[in-house]
Amino acid sequence: LARTVMAEKKPEEMRFDADPTRDTAGRQKLRSWLNKSLRVSMTDGRTLIGVFLCTDRDKNVILGSCQEYIHDPDSTSREDPRVLGLAMVPGHHILKIEIDDITSDQVM
């Protein structure tokens, strides 16, 4: 039986952010949003608010301590949020992402 021996990589080679030439403006912006509260508007009208933990190449977003708000266009009353906890938001359902801060105007 043939065995394949995988080359060992040093920890600094395994880290994605170890190469500073890969640090684009978009990645710097995403890194600055880590552990901040984000408001994610979705295609079905829901809004999720939670702490930005990570994303991937498919633009999926992981939010911690997430709460879901369902907006009824005909209703003027404010509903209570549904607590989701840890949530994965599929990238193809995201319309808009913004920092959940009234004084900030950063929109992705």
C-alpha atoms as a PDB file:
ATOM      1  CA  LEU A   1       0.000   0.000   0.000  1.00  0.00           C
ATOM      2  CA  ALA A   2       1.264   3.401  -0.920  1.00  0.00           C
ATOM      3  CA  ARG A   3       1.176   6.066   1.746  1.00  0.00           C
ATOM      4  CA  THR A   4       1.092   9.758   1.118  1.00  0.00           C
ATOM      5  CA  VAL A   5       2.978  11.904   3.558  1.00  0.00           C
ATOM      6  CA  MET A   6       1.656  15.417   3.813  1.00  0.00           C
ATOM      7  CA  ALA A   7       4.185  18.156   4.281  1.00  0.00           C
ATOM      8  CA  GLU A   8       3.892  19.860   7.615  1.00  0.00           C
ATOM      9  CA  LYS A   9       3.068  23.532   7.476  1.00  0.00           C
ATOM     10  CA  LYS A  10       4.223  26.050   9.991  1.00  0.00           C
ATOM     11  CA  PRO A  11       1.379  27.815  11.854  1.00  0.00           C
ATOM     12  CA  GLU A  12       2.186  31.146  10.206  1.00  0.00           C
ATOM     13  CA  GLU A  13       1.794  29.512   6.765  1.00  0.00           C
ATOM     14  CA  MET A  14      -1.638  28.159   7.673  1.00  0.00           C
ATOM     15  CA  ARG A  15      -3.031  31.488   8.799  1.00  0.00           C
ATOM     16  CA  PHE A  16      -4.944  33.253   6.041  1.00  0.00           C
ATOM     17  CA  ASP A  17      -3.905  36.716   7.144  1.00  0.00           C
ATOM     18  CA  ALA A  18      -0.213  35.846   7.433  1.00  0.00           C
ATOM     19  CA  ASP A  19       0.519  37.277   3.977  1.00  0.00           C
ATOM     20  CA  PRO A  20       0.146  41.077   4.131  1.00  0.00           C
ATOM     21  CA  THR A  21      -0.012  41.295   0.311  1.00  0.00           C
ATOM     22  CA  ARG A  22      -3.423  39.553   0.482  1.00  0.00           C
ATOM     23  CA  ASP A  23      -4.838  42.206   2.804  1.00  0.00           C
ATOM     24  CA  THR A  24      -7.103  44.098   0.389  1.00  0.00           C
ATOM     25  CA  ALA A  25      -9.258  47.089   1.303  1.00  0.00           C
ATOM     26  CA  GLY A  26     -12.342  44.853   1.440  1.00  0.00           C
ATOM     27  CA  ARG A  27     -10.683  42.438   3.839  1.00  0.00           C
ATOM     28  CA  GLN A  28      -9.511  45.311   6.024  1.00  0.00           C
ATOM     29  CA  LYS A  29     -13.095  46.609   6.187  1.00  0.00           C
ATOM     30  CA  LEU A  30     -14.434  43.155   7.095  1.00  0.00           C
ATOM     31  CA  ARG A  31     -11.737  42.768   9.749  1.00  0.00           C
ATOM     32  CA  SER A  32     -12.710  46.149  11.240  1.00  0.00           C
ATOM     33  CA  TRP A  33     -16.312  44.909  11.530  1.00  0.00           C
ATOM     34  CA  LEU A  34     -15.383  41.808  13.554  1.00  0.00           C
ATOM     35  CA  ASN A  35     -17.202  41.655  16.900  1.00  0.00           C
ATOM     36  CA  LYS A  36     -19.357  44.679  16.007  1.00  0.00           C
ATOM     37  CA  SER A  37     -23.130  44.660  15.839  1.00  0.00           C
ATOM     38  CA  LEU A  38     -24.403  44.386  12.256  1.00  0.00           C
ATOM     39  CA  ARG A  39     -27.861  44.868  10.770  1.00  0.00           C
ATOM     40  CA  VAL A  40     -28.483  42.473   7.859  1.00  0.00           C
ATOM     41  CA  SER A  41     -31.455  43.093   5.552  1.00  0.00           C
ATOM     42  CA  MET A  42     -32.652  39.960   3.741  1.00  0.00           C
ATOM     43  CA  THR A  43     -34.553  39.319   0.510  1.00  0.00           C
ATOM     44  CA  ASP A  44     -37.643  38.028   2.342  1.00  0.00           C
ATOM     45  CA  GLY A  45     -38.086  41.241   4.348  1.00  0.00           C
ATOM     46  CA  ARG A  46     -36.516  40.038   7.583  1.00  0.00           C
ATOM     47  CA  THR A  47     -33.811  41.987   9.379  1.00  0.00           C
ATOM     48  CA  LEU A  48     -31.212  40.243  11.522  1.00  0.00           C
ATOM     49  CA  ILE A  49     -29.160  42.077  14.114  1.00  0.00           C
ATOM     50  CA  GLY A  50     -26.188  40.362  15.706  1.00  0.00           C
ATOM     51  CA  VAL A  51     -22.459  40.363  16.322  1.00  0.00           C
ATOM     52  CA  PHE A  52     -20.380  39.766  13.173  1.00  0.00           C
ATOM     53  CA  LEU A  53     -18.212  36.693  13.735  1.00  0.00           C
ATOM     54  CA  CYS A  54     -17.090  35.573  10.269  1.00  0.00           C
ATOM     55  CA  THR A  55     -17.822  35.251   6.570  1.00  0.00           C
ATOM     56  CA  ASP A  56     -16.696  33.018   3.713  1.00  0.00           C
ATOM     57  CA  ARG A  57     -16.058  33.096  -0.025  1.00  0.00           C
ATOM     58  CA  ASP A  58     -19.759  32.526  -0.766  1.00  0.00           C
ATOM     59  CA  LYS A  59     -20.601  35.699   1.196  1.00  0.00           C
ATOM     60  CA  ASN A  60     -22.351  33.726   3.948  1.00  0.00           C
ATOM     61  CA  VAL A  61     -22.275  35.584   7.251  1.00  0.00           C
ATOM     62  CA  ILE A  62     -22.191  34.197  10.802  1.00  0.00           C
ATOM     63  CA  LEU A  63     -23.856  36.367  13.448  1.00  0.00           C
ATOM     64  CA  GLY A  64     -23.676  35.725  17.184  1.00  0.00           C
ATOM     65  CA  SER A  65     -26.343  36.796  19.706  1.00  0.00           C
ATOM     66  CA  CYS A  66     -28.626  37.287  16.719  1.00  0.00           C
ATOM     67  CA  GLN A  67     -32.185  38.599  16.838  1.00  0.00           C
ATOM     68  CA  GLU A  68     -34.693  38.436  13.988  1.00  0.00           C
ATOM     69  CA  TYR A  69     -37.179  41.193  13.149  1.00  0.00           C
ATOM     70  CA  ILE A  70     -40.047  40.593  10.721  1.00  0.00           C
ATOM     71  CA  HIS A  71     -41.444  43.772   9.235  1.00  0.00           C
ATOM     72  CA  ASP A  72     -45.062  43.840   8.088  1.00  0.00           C
ATOM     73  CA  PRO A  73     -45.494  46.741   5.648  1.00  0.00           C
ATOM     74  CA  ASP A  74     -49.152  47.210   6.692  1.00  0.00           C
ATOM     75  CA  SER A  75     -48.395  47.277  10.414  1.00  0.00           C
ATOM     76  CA  THR A  76     -47.242  50.345  12.325  1.00  0.00           C
ATOM     77  CA  SER A  77     -46.652  48.490  15.588  1.00  0.00           C
ATOM     78  CA  ARG A  78     -43.186  47.466  16.718  1.00  0.00           C
ATOM     79  CA  GLU A  79     -42.903  43.717  17.297  1.00  0.00           C
ATOM     80  CA  ASP A  80     -40.683  41.893  19.756  1.00  0.00           C
ATOM     81  CA  PRO A  81     -37.614  40.285  18.183  1.00  0.00           C
ATOM     82  CA  ARG A  82     -37.215  36.536  17.914  1.00  0.00           C
ATOM     83  CA  VAL A  83     -33.960  35.391  19.544  1.00  0.00           C
ATOM     84  CA  LEU A  84     -31.934  33.151  17.221  1.00  0.00           C
ATOM     85  CA  GLY A  85     -28.577  33.062  18.998  1.00  0.00           C
ATOM     86  CA  LEU A  86     -25.888  31.891  16.563  1.00  0.00           C
ATOM     87  CA  ALA A  87     -27.099  32.230  12.962  1.00  0.00           C
ATOM     88  CA  MET A  88     -25.683  31.584   9.502  1.00  0.00           C
ATOM     89  CA  VAL A  89     -27.109  33.935   6.883  1.00  0.00           C
ATOM     90  CA  PRO A  90     -26.771  32.643   3.292  1.00  0.00           C
ATOM     91  CA  GLY A  91     -25.022  35.215   1.134  1.00  0.00           C
ATOM     92  CA  HIS A  92     -27.559  34.976  -1.696  1.00  0.00           C
ATOM     93  CA  HIS A  93     -30.316  36.165   0.687  1.00  0.00           C
ATOM     94  CA  ILE A  94     -28.457  39.296   1.858  1.00  0.00           C
ATOM     95  CA  LEU A  95     -29.585  42.627   0.419  1.00  0.00           C
ATOM     96  CA  LYS A  96     -27.682  45.006   2.678  1.00  0.00           C
ATOM     97  CA  ILE A  97     -25.259  44.894   5.606  1.00  0.00           C
ATOM     98  CA  GLU A  98     -24.653  47.887   7.840  1.00  0.00           C
ATOM     99  CA  ILE A  99     -23.123  48.640  11.195  1.00  0.00           C
ATOM    100  CA  ASP A 100     -25.946  48.716  13.757  1.00  0.00           C
ATOM    101  CA  ASP A 101     -25.061  52.176  15.022  1.00  0.00           C
ATOM    102  CA  ILE A 102     -27.187  55.302  14.491  1.00  0.00           C
ATOM    103  CA  THR A 103     -24.129  57.534  14.108  1.00  0.00           C
ATOM    104  CA  SER A 104     -22.460  55.321  11.495  1.00  0.00           C
ATOM    105  CA  ASP A 105     -23.178  55.467   7.783  1.00  0.00           C
ATOM    106  CA  GLN A 106     -21.018  52.527   6.716  1.00  0.00           C
ATOM    107  CA  VAL A 107     -22.932  50.333   4.294  1.00  0.00           C
ATOM    108  CA  MET A 108     -21.563  47.354   2.396  1.00  0.00           C
END
